[in-house]
Every structure is written in C-alpha cells, then in structure tokens.
C-alpha cells in the first residue's frame, strides 16, 4: 500500500516538480521512532521537503550502489532511502545510521 501526497498550495506546485509517494514500510518506520525524532523526520518529509527544488540539495544525497533509481540522504542520525523514477519520488525507509 502506498500513500500519495500532492501539495494543494498553488505556489508550491509551481516550484515543486515531483509527485511524492510514501511506501508503507516508510510510514511504519516513522511510527516506530522516538517522539522527538519522529517530529523532526515528519516535519522534513511532509513539509520541508516540498521546498526542495533539486534532490541534490538534500544532505549527503547519494546514489545507492550502481542503481539508477535508488538514493539515500541523511537527517541527523538517520538514513532516508528514496526511489526516484522520472518525476515520482517515493520514500522507502528511514533507519538509524550505524554507529562506527
């Protein structure tokens, strides 16, 4: 099951060029986070992300392996994985960065 969210604010639609989807596993990951971290991740993913004009602006944005569609970026101590297919960005997972 996927949840699809498109901005209803016309001003944002003019600058934001992606359709955003959320994989069920991503939503479950958010639900399992500590409340303070959950608020931070939700703030970025459901609101601040819509201010992004290019995905390369995301913190530590990187391609996963040799894949053409899978990417990740970081938010504080968490990795967020994305699937980017054309103009569709799908949030896949959010996991804590491993301690090294």
PDB file of N, CA and C in Angstrom:
ATOM      1  N   UNK A   1       0.841  -1.179   0.000  1.00  0.00           N
ATOM      2  CA  UNK A   1       0.000   0.000   0.000  1.00  0.00           C
ATOM      3  C   UNK A   1       0.882   1.238   0.000  1.00  0.00           C
ATOM      4  N   UNK A   2       0.523   2.215  -0.787  1.00  0.00           N
ATOM      5  CA  UNK A   2       1.275   3.452  -0.874  1.00  0.00           C
ATOM      6  C   UNK A   2       0.360   4.609  -0.551  1.00  0.00           C
ATOM      7  N   UNK A   3       0.916   5.604   0.085  1.00  0.00           N
ATOM      8  CA  UNK A   3       0.192   6.835   0.353  1.00  0.00           C
ATOM      9  C   UNK A   3       0.771   7.891  -0.579  1.00  0.00           C
ATOM     10  N   UNK A   4      -0.092   8.583  -1.284  1.00  0.00           N
ATOM     11  CA  UNK A   4       0.354   9.606  -2.229  1.00  0.00           C
ATOM     12  C   UNK A   4      -0.080  10.964  -1.706  1.00  0.00           C
ATOM     13  N   UNK A   5       0.847  11.923  -1.732  1.00  0.00           N
ATOM     14  CA  UNK A   5       0.516  13.263  -1.273  1.00  0.00           C
ATOM     15  C   UNK A   5       0.975  14.255  -2.319  1.00  0.00           C
ATOM     16  N   UNK A   6       0.079  15.088  -2.731  1.00  0.00           N
ATOM     17  CA  UNK A   6       0.435  16.164  -3.638  1.00  0.00           C
ATOM     18  C   UNK A   6       0.038  17.470  -2.974  1.00  0.00           C
ATOM     19  N   UNK A   7       0.892  18.441  -3.089  1.00  0.00           N
ATOM     20  CA  UNK A   7       0.633  19.729  -2.469  1.00  0.00           C
ATOM     21  C   UNK A   7      -0.587  20.392  -3.087  1.00  0.00           C
ATOM     22  N   UNK A   8      -1.421  20.961  -2.237  1.00  0.00           N
ATOM     23  CA  UNK A   8      -2.607  21.642  -2.746  1.00  0.00           C
ATOM     24  C   UNK A   8      -2.404  23.153  -2.814  1.00  0.00           C
ATOM     25  N   UNK A   9      -1.248  23.612  -2.414  1.00  0.00           N
ATOM     26  CA  UNK A   9      -0.960  25.039  -2.451  1.00  0.00           C
ATOM     27  C   UNK A   9      -0.375  25.370  -3.822  1.00  0.00           C
ATOM     28  N   UNK A  10      -1.065  26.218  -4.576  1.00  0.00           N
ATOM     29  CA  UNK A  10      -0.654  26.510  -5.950  1.00  0.00           C
ATOM     30  C   UNK A  10       0.767  27.049  -6.038  1.00  0.00           C
ATOM     31  N   UNK A  11       1.174  27.879  -5.108  1.00  0.00           N
ATOM     32  CA  UNK A  11       2.514  28.455  -5.147  1.00  0.00           C
ATOM     33  C   UNK A  11       3.571  27.355  -5.073  1.00  0.00           C
ATOM     34  N   UNK A  12       3.348  26.390  -4.210  1.00  0.00           N
ATOM     35  CA  UNK A  12       4.303  25.298  -4.069  1.00  0.00           C
ATOM     36  C   UNK A  12       4.309  24.423  -5.315  1.00  0.00           C
ATOM     37  N   UNK A  13       3.173  24.206  -5.936  1.00  0.00           N
ATOM     38  CA  UNK A  13       3.115  23.370  -7.123  1.00  0.00           C
ATOM     39  C   UNK A  13       3.921  23.984  -8.255  1.00  0.00           C
ATOM     40  N   UNK A  14       3.980  25.293  -8.297  1.00  0.00           N
ATOM     41  CA  UNK A  14       4.717  25.959  -9.365  1.00  0.00           C
ATOM     42  C   UNK A  14       6.220  25.687  -9.249  1.00  0.00           C
ATOM     43  N   UNK A  15       6.756  25.568  -8.024  1.00  0.00           N
ATOM     44  CA  UNK A  15       8.183  25.367  -7.850  1.00  0.00           C
ATOM     45  C   UNK A  15       8.540  23.904  -7.593  1.00  0.00           C
ATOM     46  N   UNK A  16       7.655  23.128  -7.023  1.00  0.00           N
ATOM     47  CA  UNK A  16       7.938  21.732  -6.706  1.00  0.00           C
ATOM     48  C   UNK A  16       7.527  20.869  -7.879  1.00  0.00           C
ATOM     49  N   UNK A  17       8.476  20.109  -8.414  1.00  0.00           N
ATOM     50  CA  UNK A  17       8.218  19.409  -9.666  1.00  0.00           C
ATOM     51  C   UNK A  17       8.079  17.901  -9.530  1.00  0.00           C
ATOM     52  N   UNK A  18       7.950  17.385  -8.320  1.00  0.00           N
ATOM     53  CA  UNK A  18       7.879  15.947  -8.116  1.00  0.00           C
ATOM     54  C   UNK A  18       6.523  15.532  -7.541  1.00  0.00           C
ATOM     55  N   UNK A  19       6.108  14.330  -7.894  1.00  0.00           N
ATOM     56  CA  UNK A  19       4.983  13.689  -7.215  1.00  0.00           C
ATOM     57  C   UNK A  19       5.611  12.847  -6.107  1.00  0.00           C
ATOM     58  N   UNK A  20       5.111  12.974  -4.895  1.00  0.00           N
ATOM     59  CA  UNK A  20       5.719  12.299  -3.756  1.00  0.00           C
ATOM     60  C   UNK A  20       4.805  11.177  -3.280  1.00  0.00           C
ATOM     61  N   UNK A  21       5.420  10.024  -3.054  1.00  0.00           N
ATOM     62  CA  UNK A  21       4.707   8.857  -2.534  1.00  0.00           C
ATOM     63  C   UNK A  21       5.449   8.326  -1.326  1.00  0.00           C
ATOM     64  N   UNK A  22       4.714   7.615  -0.475  1.00  0.00           N
ATOM     65  CA  UNK A  22       5.292   7.062   0.746  1.00  0.00           C
ATOM     66  C   UNK A  22       4.968   5.573   0.798  1.00  0.00           C
ATOM     67  N   UNK A  23       6.017   4.759   0.837  1.00  0.00           N
ATOM     68  CA  UNK A  23       5.850   3.313   0.963  1.00  0.00           C
ATOM     69  C   UNK A  23       5.359   3.001   2.370  1.00  0.00           C
ATOM     70  N   UNK A  24       4.562   1.972   2.489  1.00  0.00           N
ATOM     71  CA  UNK A  24       4.013   1.593   3.792  1.00  0.00           C
ATOM     72  C   UNK A  24       5.139   1.340   4.806  1.00  0.00           C
ATOM     73  N   UNK A  25       6.214   0.692   4.374  1.00  0.00           N
ATOM     74  CA  UNK A  25       7.352   0.419   5.261  1.00  0.00           C
ATOM     75  C   UNK A  25       7.951   1.717   5.809  1.00  0.00           C
ATOM     76  N   UNK A  26       7.959   2.763   5.013  1.00  0.00           N
ATOM     77  CA  UNK A  26       8.476   4.064   5.457  1.00  0.00           C
ATOM     78  C   UNK A  26       7.592   4.632   6.561  1.00  0.00           C
ATOM     79  N   UNK A  27       6.286   4.562   6.357  1.00  0.00           N
ATOM     80  CA  UNK A  27       5.353   5.083   7.365  1.00  0.00           C
ATOM     81  C   UNK A  27       5.437   4.287   8.667  1.00  0.00           C
ATOM     82  N   UNK A  28       5.638   2.981   8.558  1.00  0.00           N
ATOM     83  CA  UNK A  28       5.804   2.156   9.755  1.00  0.00           C
ATOM     84  C   UNK A  28       7.115   2.475  10.466  1.00  0.00           C
ATOM     85  N   UNK A  29       8.172   2.737   9.695  1.00  0.00           N
ATOM     86  CA  UNK A  29       9.454   3.131  10.297  1.00  0.00           C
ATOM     87  C   UNK A  29       9.285   4.412  11.113  1.00  0.00           C
ATOM     88  N   UNK A  30       8.587   5.383  10.548  1.00  0.00           N
ATOM     89  CA  UNK A  30       8.364   6.653  11.254  1.00  0.00           C
ATOM     90  C   UNK A  30       7.585   6.419  12.540  1.00  0.00           C
ATOM     91  N   UNK A  31       6.605   5.569  12.458  1.00  0.00           N
ATOM     92  CA  UNK A  31       5.760   5.285  13.627  1.00  0.00           C
ATOM     93  C   UNK A  31       6.586   4.703  14.782  1.00  0.00           C
ATOM     94  N   UNK A  32       7.655   3.982  14.465  1.00  0.00           N
ATOM     95  CA  UNK A  32       8.477   3.319  15.491  1.00  0.00           C
ATOM     96  C   UNK A  32       9.557   4.220  16.098  1.00  0.00           C
ATOM     97  N   UNK A  33       9.736   5.408  15.555  1.00  0.00           N
ATOM     98  CA  UNK A  33      10.783   6.309  16.053  1.00  0.00           C
ATOM     99  C   UNK A  33      10.398   6.934  17.386  1.00  0.00           C
ATOM    100  N   UNK A  34      11.412   7.392  18.113  1.00  0.00           N
ATOM    101  CA  UNK A  34      11.174   8.135  19.347  1.00  0.00           C
ATOM    102  C   UNK A  34      10.401   9.405  18.998  1.00  0.00           C
ATOM    103  N   UNK A  35       9.527   9.893  19.885  1.00  0.00           N
ATOM    104  CA  UNK A  35       8.673  11.050  19.559  1.00  0.00           C
ATOM    105  C   UNK A  35       9.416  12.283  19.050  1.00  0.00           C
ATOM    106  N   UNK A  36      10.530  12.644  19.667  1.00  0.00           N
ATOM    107  CA  UNK A  36      11.266  13.846  19.230  1.00  0.00           C
ATOM    108  C   UNK A  36      11.818  13.664  17.823  1.00  0.00           C
ATOM    109  N   UNK A  37      12.384  12.495  17.547  1.00  0.00           N
ATOM    110  CA  UNK A  37      12.936  12.204  16.229  1.00  0.00           C
ATOM    111  C   UNK A  37      11.803  12.107  15.213  1.00  0.00           C
ATOM    112  N   UNK A  38      10.699  11.482  15.607  1.00  0.00           N
ATOM    113  CA  UNK A  38       9.541  11.348  14.718  1.00  0.00           C
ATOM    114  C   UNK A  38       9.058  12.711  14.244  1.00  0.00           C
ATOM    115  N   UNK A  39       8.948  13.667  15.161  1.00  0.00           N
ATOM    116  CA  UNK A  39       8.502  15.018  14.788  1.00  0.00           C
ATOM    117  C   UNK A  39       9.465  15.662  13.791  1.00  0.00           C
ATOM    118  N   UNK A  40      10.755  15.500  14.041  1.00  0.00           N
ATOM    119  CA  UNK A  40      11.776  16.077  13.161  1.00  0.00           C
ATOM    120  C   UNK A  40      11.684  15.474  11.757  1.00  0.00           C
ATOM    121  N   UNK A  41      11.593  14.162  11.669  1.00  0.00           N
ATOM    122  CA  UNK A  41      11.509  13.480  10.374  1.00  0.00           C
ATOM    123  C   UNK A  41      10.213  13.863   9.667  1.00  0.00           C
ATOM    124  N   UNK A  42       9.096  13.853  10.390  1.00  0.00           N
ATOM    125  CA  UNK A  42       7.808  14.217   9.794  1.00  0.00           C
ATOM    126  C   UNK A  42       7.820  15.654   9.283  1.00  0.00           C
ATOM    127  N   UNK A  43       8.395  16.560  10.053  1.00  0.00           N
ATOM    128  CA  UNK A  43       8.473  17.962   9.646  1.00  0.00           C
ATOM    129  C   UNK A  43       9.193  18.073   8.300  1.00  0.00           C
ATOM    130  N   UNK A  44      10.316  17.373   8.188  1.00  0.00           N
ATOM    131  CA  UNK A  44      11.068  17.465   6.944  1.00  0.00           C
ATOM    132  C   UNK A  44      10.344  16.780   5.788  1.00  0.00           C
ATOM    133  N   UNK A  45       9.935  15.541   5.995  1.00  0.00           N
ATOM    134  CA  UNK A  45       9.381  14.735   4.904  1.00  0.00           C
ATOM    135  C   UNK A  45       8.028  15.249   4.418  1.00  0.00           C
ATOM    136  N   UNK A  46       7.171  15.653   5.329  1.00  0.00           N
ATOM    137  CA  UNK A  46       5.813  16.045   4.944  1.00  0.00           C
ATOM    138  C   UNK A  46       5.655  17.541   4.695  1.00  0.00           C
ATOM    139  N   UNK A  47       6.659  18.339   5.053  1.00  0.00           N
ATOM    140  CA  UNK A  47       6.540  19.784   4.855  1.00  0.00           C
ATOM    141  C   UNK A  47       7.782  20.382   4.187  1.00  0.00           C
ATOM    142  N   UNK A  48       8.923  20.320   4.852  1.00  0.00           N
ATOM    143  CA  UNK A  48      10.136  20.977   4.357  1.00  0.00           C
ATOM    144  C   UNK A  48      10.607  20.420   3.012  1.00  0.00           C
ATOM    145  N   UNK A  49      10.403  19.139   2.767  1.00  0.00           N
ATOM    146  CA  UNK A  49      10.838  18.523   1.517  1.00  0.00           C
ATOM    147  C   UNK A  49      10.220  19.224   0.306  1.00  0.00           C
ATOM    148  N   UNK A  50       9.022  19.748   0.466  1.00  0.00           N
ATOM    149  CA  UNK A  50       8.324  20.409  -0.642  1.00  0.00           C
ATOM    150  C   UNK A  50       8.961  21.744  -1.023  1.00  0.00           C
ATOM    151  N   UNK A  51       9.903  22.216  -0.230  1.00  0.00           N
ATOM    152  CA  UNK A  51      10.640  23.432  -0.568  1.00  0.00           C
ATOM    153  C   UNK A  51      11.893  23.112  -1.387  1.00  0.00           C
ATOM    154  N   UNK A  52      12.227  21.836  -1.508  1.00  0.00           N
ATOM    155  CA  UNK A  52      13.413  21.404  -2.237  1.00  0.00           C
ATOM    156  C   UNK A  52      13.173  21.522  -3.734  1.00  0.00           C
ATOM    157  N   UNK A  53      14.088  22.160  -4.422  1.00  0.00           N
ATOM    158  CA  UNK A  53      13.931  22.287  -5.871  1.00  0.00           C
ATOM    159  C   UNK A  53      14.739  21.235  -6.625  1.00  0.00           C
ATOM    160  N   UNK A  54      15.829  20.751  -6.027  1.00  0.00           N
ATOM    161  CA  UNK A  54      16.627  19.688  -6.628  1.00  0.00           C
ATOM    162  C   UNK A  54      16.988  18.681  -5.558  1.00  0.00           C
ATOM    163  N   UNK A  55      16.897  17.403  -5.881  1.00  0.00           N
ATOM    164  CA  UNK A  55      17.197  16.362  -4.905  1.00  0.00           C
ATOM    165  C   UNK A  55      18.647  16.416  -4.442  1.00  0.00           C
ATOM    166  N   UNK A  56      19.540  16.909  -5.287  1.00  0.00           N
ATOM    167  CA  UNK A  56      20.952  17.002  -4.919  1.00  0.00           C
ATOM    168  C   UNK A  56      21.185  17.965  -3.758  1.00  0.00           C
ATOM    169  N   UNK A  57      20.187  18.781  -3.417  1.00  0.00           N
ATOM    170  CA  UNK A  57      20.291  19.704  -2.281  1.00  0.00           C
ATOM    171  C   UNK A  57      20.125  18.988  -0.944  1.00  0.00           C
ATOM    172  N   UNK A  58      19.610  17.758  -0.963  1.00  0.00           N
ATOM    173  CA  UNK A  58      19.379  17.022   0.282  1.00  0.00           C
ATOM    174  C   UNK A  58      20.713  16.696   0.938  1.00  0.00           C
ATOM    175  N   UNK A  59      20.759  16.687   2.284  1.00  0.00           N
ATOM    176  CA  UNK A  59      22.028  16.436   2.985  1.00  0.00           C
ATOM    177  C   UNK A  59      22.587  15.041   2.683  1.00  0.00           C
ATOM    178  N   UNK A  60      23.833  14.999   2.250  1.00  0.00           N
ATOM    179  CA  UNK A  60      24.542  13.756   1.935  1.00  0.00           C
ATOM    180  C   UNK A  60      23.764  12.879   0.956  1.00  0.00           C
ATOM    181  N   UNK A  61      23.167  13.492  -0.043  1.00  0.00           N
ATOM    182  CA  UNK A  61      22.396  12.776  -1.061  1.00  0.00           C
ATOM    183  C   UNK A  61      23.345  11.937  -1.902  1.00  0.00           C
ATOM    184  N   UNK A  62      23.073  10.619  -1.984  1.00  0.00           N
ATOM    185  CA  UNK A  62      23.943   9.704  -2.722  1.00  0.00           C
ATOM    186  C   UNK A  62      23.131   8.621  -3.404  1.00  0.00           C
ATOM    187  N   UNK A  63      23.658   8.157  -4.507  1.00  0.00           N
ATOM    188  CA  UNK A  63      23.081   7.023  -5.214  1.00  0.00           C
ATOM    189  C   UNK A  63      23.441   5.751  -4.454  1.00  0.00           C
ATOM    190  N   UNK A  64      22.528   4.787  -4.403  1.00  0.00           N
ATOM    191  CA  UNK A  64      22.808   3.520  -3.732  1.00  0.00           C
ATOM    192  C   UNK A  64      23.385   2.532  -4.743  1.00  0.00           C
ATOM    193  N   UNK A  65      24.641   2.217  -4.569  1.00  0.00           N
ATOM    194  CA  UNK A  65      25.308   1.284  -5.468  1.00  0.00           C
ATOM    195  C   UNK A  65      25.313   1.781  -6.899  1.00  0.00           C
ATOM    196  N   UNK A  66      25.076   0.864  -7.824  1.00  0.00           N
ATOM    197  CA  UNK A  66      25.062   1.226  -9.239  1.00  0.00           C
ATOM    198  C   UNK A  66      23.640   1.431  -9.753  1.00  0.00           C
ATOM    199  N   UNK A  67      22.687   1.465  -8.841  1.00  0.00           N
ATOM    200  CA  UNK A  67      21.291   1.630  -9.223  1.00  0.00           C
ATOM    201  C   UNK A  67      21.025   3.021  -9.787  1.00  0.00           C
ATOM    202  N   UNK A  68      20.178   3.069 -10.773  1.00  0.00           N
ATOM    203  CA  UNK A  68      19.810   4.343 -11.388  1.00  0.00           C
ATOM    204  C   UNK A  68      18.629   5.009 -10.691  1.00  0.00           C
ATOM    205  N   UNK A  69      17.925   4.262  -9.819  1.00  0.00           N
ATOM    206  CA  UNK A  69      16.707   4.829  -9.226  1.00  0.00           C
ATOM    207  C   UNK A  69      16.713   4.909  -7.706  1.00  0.00           C
ATOM    208  N   UNK A  70      17.653   4.261  -7.039  1.00  0.00           N
ATOM    209  CA  UNK A  70      17.655   4.248  -5.576  1.00  0.00           C
ATOM    210  C   UNK A  70      18.715   5.199  -5.022  1.00  0.00           C
ATOM    211  N   UNK A  71      18.286   6.014  -4.063  1.00  0.00           N
ATOM    212  CA  UNK A  71      19.155   7.020  -3.462  1.00  0.00           C
ATOM    213  C   UNK A  71      18.926   7.058  -1.960  1.00  0.00           C
ATOM    214  N   UNK A  72      19.815   7.754  -1.272  1.00  0.00           N
ATOM    215  CA  UNK A  72      19.633   7.971   0.165  1.00  0.00           C
ATOM    216  C   UNK A  72      20.173   9.330   0.542  1.00  0.00           C
ATOM    217  N   UNK A  73      19.660   9.845   1.649  1.00  0.00           N
ATOM    218  CA  UNK A  73      20.189  11.071   2.230  1.00  0.00           C
ATOM    219  C   UNK A  73      20.068  10.949   3.735  1.00  0.00           C
ATOM    220  N   UNK A  74      20.664  11.888   4.462  1.00  0.00           N
ATOM    221  CA  UNK A  74      20.653  11.800   5.918  1.00  0.00           C
ATOM    222  C   UNK A  74      19.862  12.944   6.532  1.00  0.00           C
ATOM    223  N   UNK A  75      19.246  12.627   7.637  1.00  0.00           N
ATOM    224  CA  UNK A  75      18.606  13.614   8.505  1.00  0.00           C
ATOM    225  C   UNK A  75      19.096  13.307   9.906  1.00  0.00           C
ATOM    226  N   UNK A  76      19.924  14.172  10.426  1.00  0.00           N
ATOM    227  CA  UNK A  76      20.513  13.978  11.742  1.00  0.00           C
ATOM    228  C   UNK A  76      21.242  12.629  11.771  1.00  0.00           C
ATOM    229  N   UNK A  77      20.795  11.685  12.577  1.00  0.00           N
ATOM    230  CA  UNK A  77      21.439  10.368  12.683  1.00  0.00           C
ATOM    231  C   UNK A  77      20.662   9.290  11.938  1.00  0.00           C
ATOM    232  N   UNK A  78      19.868   9.676  10.960  1.00  0.00           N
ATOM    233  CA  UNK A  78      19.015   8.720  10.247  1.00  0.00           C
ATOM    234  C   UNK A  78      19.239   8.760   8.748  1.00  0.00           C
ATOM    235  N   UNK A  79      19.164   7.589   8.126  1.00  0.00           N
ATOM    236  CA  UNK A  79      19.256   7.458   6.677  1.00  0.00           C
ATOM    237  C   UNK A  79      17.838   7.326   6.119  1.00  0.00           C
ATOM    238  N   UNK A  80      17.567   8.059   5.077  1.00  0.00           N
ATOM    239  CA  UNK A  80      16.263   8.003   4.418  1.00  0.00           C
ATOM    240  C   UNK A  80      16.510   7.532   2.995  1.00  0.00           C
ATOM    241  N   UNK A  81      15.834   6.442   2.600  1.00  0.00           N
ATOM    242  CA  UNK A  81      16.024   5.937   1.242  1.00  0.00           C
ATOM    243  C   UNK A  81      14.867   6.349   0.344  1.00  0.00           C
ATOM    244  N   UNK A  82      15.220   6.607  -0.906  1.00  0.00           N
ATOM    245  CA  UNK A  82      14.260   7.074  -1.907  1.00  0.00           C
ATOM    246  C   UNK A  82      14.345   6.213  -3.154  1.00  0.00           C
ATOM    247  N   UNK A  83      13.219   6.156  -3.852  1.00  0.00           N
ATOM    248  CA  UNK A  83      13.192   5.612  -5.212  1.00  0.00           C
ATOM    249  C   UNK A  83      12.761   6.767  -6.104  1.00  0.00           C
ATOM    250  N   UNK A  84      13.576   7.097  -7.091  1.00  0.00           N
ATOM    251  CA  UNK A  84      13.277   8.213  -7.977  1.00  0.00           C
ATOM    252  C   UNK A  84      13.082   7.657  -9.379  1.00  0.00           C
ATOM    253  N   UNK A  85      11.861   7.783  -9.865  1.00  0.00           N
ATOM    254  CA  UNK A  85      11.521   7.309 -11.201  1.00  0.00           C
ATOM    255  C   UNK A  85      10.864   8.463 -11.944  1.00  0.00           C
ATOM    256  N   UNK A  86      11.609   9.091 -12.828  1.00  0.00           N
ATOM    257  CA  UNK A  86      11.079  10.254 -13.544  1.00  0.00           C
ATOM    258  C   UNK A  86      10.752  11.365 -12.564  1.00  0.00           C
ATOM    259  N   UNK A  87       9.508  11.787 -12.534  1.00  0.00           N
ATOM    260  CA  UNK A  87       9.066  12.863 -11.645  1.00  0.00           C
ATOM    261  C   UNK A  87       8.435  12.328 -10.359  1.00  0.00           C
ATOM    262  N   UNK A  88       8.541  11.024 -10.110  1.00  0.00           N
ATOM    263  CA  UNK A  88       7.965  10.407  -8.913  1.00  0.00           C
ATOM    264  C   UNK A  88       9.079  10.112  -7.918  1.00  0.00           C
ATOM    265  N   UNK A  89       8.925  10.631  -6.705  1.00  0.00           N
ATOM    266  CA  UNK A  89       9.850  10.354  -5.613  1.00  0.00           C
ATOM    267  C   UNK A  89       9.084   9.551  -4.574  1.00  0.00           C
ATOM    268  N   UNK A  90       9.586   8.360  -4.276  1.00  0.00           N
ATOM    269  CA  UNK A  90       8.932   7.508  -3.289  1.00  0.00           C
ATOM    270  C   UNK A  90       9.866   7.319  -2.092  1.00  0.00           C
ATOM    271  N   UNK A  91       9.398   7.678  -0.911  1.00  0.00           N
ATOM    272  CA  UNK A  91      10.146   7.450   0.321  1.00  0.00           C
ATOM    273  C   UNK A  91       9.979   5.980   0.687  1.00  0.00           C
ATOM    274  N   UNK A  92      11.110   5.260   0.850  1.00  0.00           N
ATOM    275  CA  UNK A  92      11.058   3.819   1.080  1.00  0.00           C
ATOM    276  C   UNK A  92      11.263   3.415   2.531  1.00  0.00           C
ATOM    277  N   UNK A  93      12.321   3.905   3.157  1.00  0.00           N
ATOM    278  CA  UNK A  93      12.648   3.513   4.530  1.00  0.00           C
ATOM    279  C   UNK A  93      13.328   4.669   5.243  1.00  0.00           C
ATOM    280  N   UNK A  94      13.258   4.628   6.563  1.00  0.00           N
ATOM    281  CA  UNK A  94      14.064   5.525   7.395  1.00  0.00           C
ATOM    282  C   UNK A  94      14.644   4.669   8.514  1.00  0.00           C
ATOM    283  N   UNK A  95      15.977   4.641   8.598  1.00  0.00           N
ATOM    284  CA  UNK A  95      16.645   3.825   9.600  1.00  0.00           C
ATOM    285  C   UNK A  95      17.767   4.621  10.258  1.00  0.00           C
ATOM    286  N   UNK A  96      18.094   4.244  11.456  1.00  0.00           N
ATOM    287  CA  UNK A  96      19.185   4.897  12.188  1.00  0.00           C
ATOM    288  C   UNK A  96      20.518   4.558  11.527  1.00  0.00           C
ATOM    289  N   UNK A  97      21.391   5.552  11.429  1.00  0.00           N
ATOM    290  CA  UNK A  97      22.740   5.310  10.883  1.00  0.00           C
ATOM    291  C   UNK A  97      23.486   4.395  11.827  1.00  0.00           C
ATOM    292  N   UNK A  98      24.227   3.456  11.280  1.00  0.00           N
ATOM    293  CA  UNK A  98      25.000   2.571  12.148  1.00  0.00           C
ATOM    294  C   UNK A  98      26.127   3.343  12.854  1.00  0.00           C
ATOM    295  N   UNK A  99      26.374   2.960  14.084  1.00  0.00           N
ATOM    296  CA  UNK A  99      27.477   3.563  14.843  1.00  0.00           C
ATOM    297  C   UNK A  99      28.782   2.925  14.387  1.00  0.00           C
ATOM    298  N   UNK A 100      29.728   3.755  14.015  1.00  0.00           N
ATOM    299  CA  UNK A 100      31.027   3.241  13.561  1.00  0.00           C
ATOM    300  C   UNK A 100      32.088   3.470  14.577  1.00  0.00           C
TER     301      UNK A 100
END
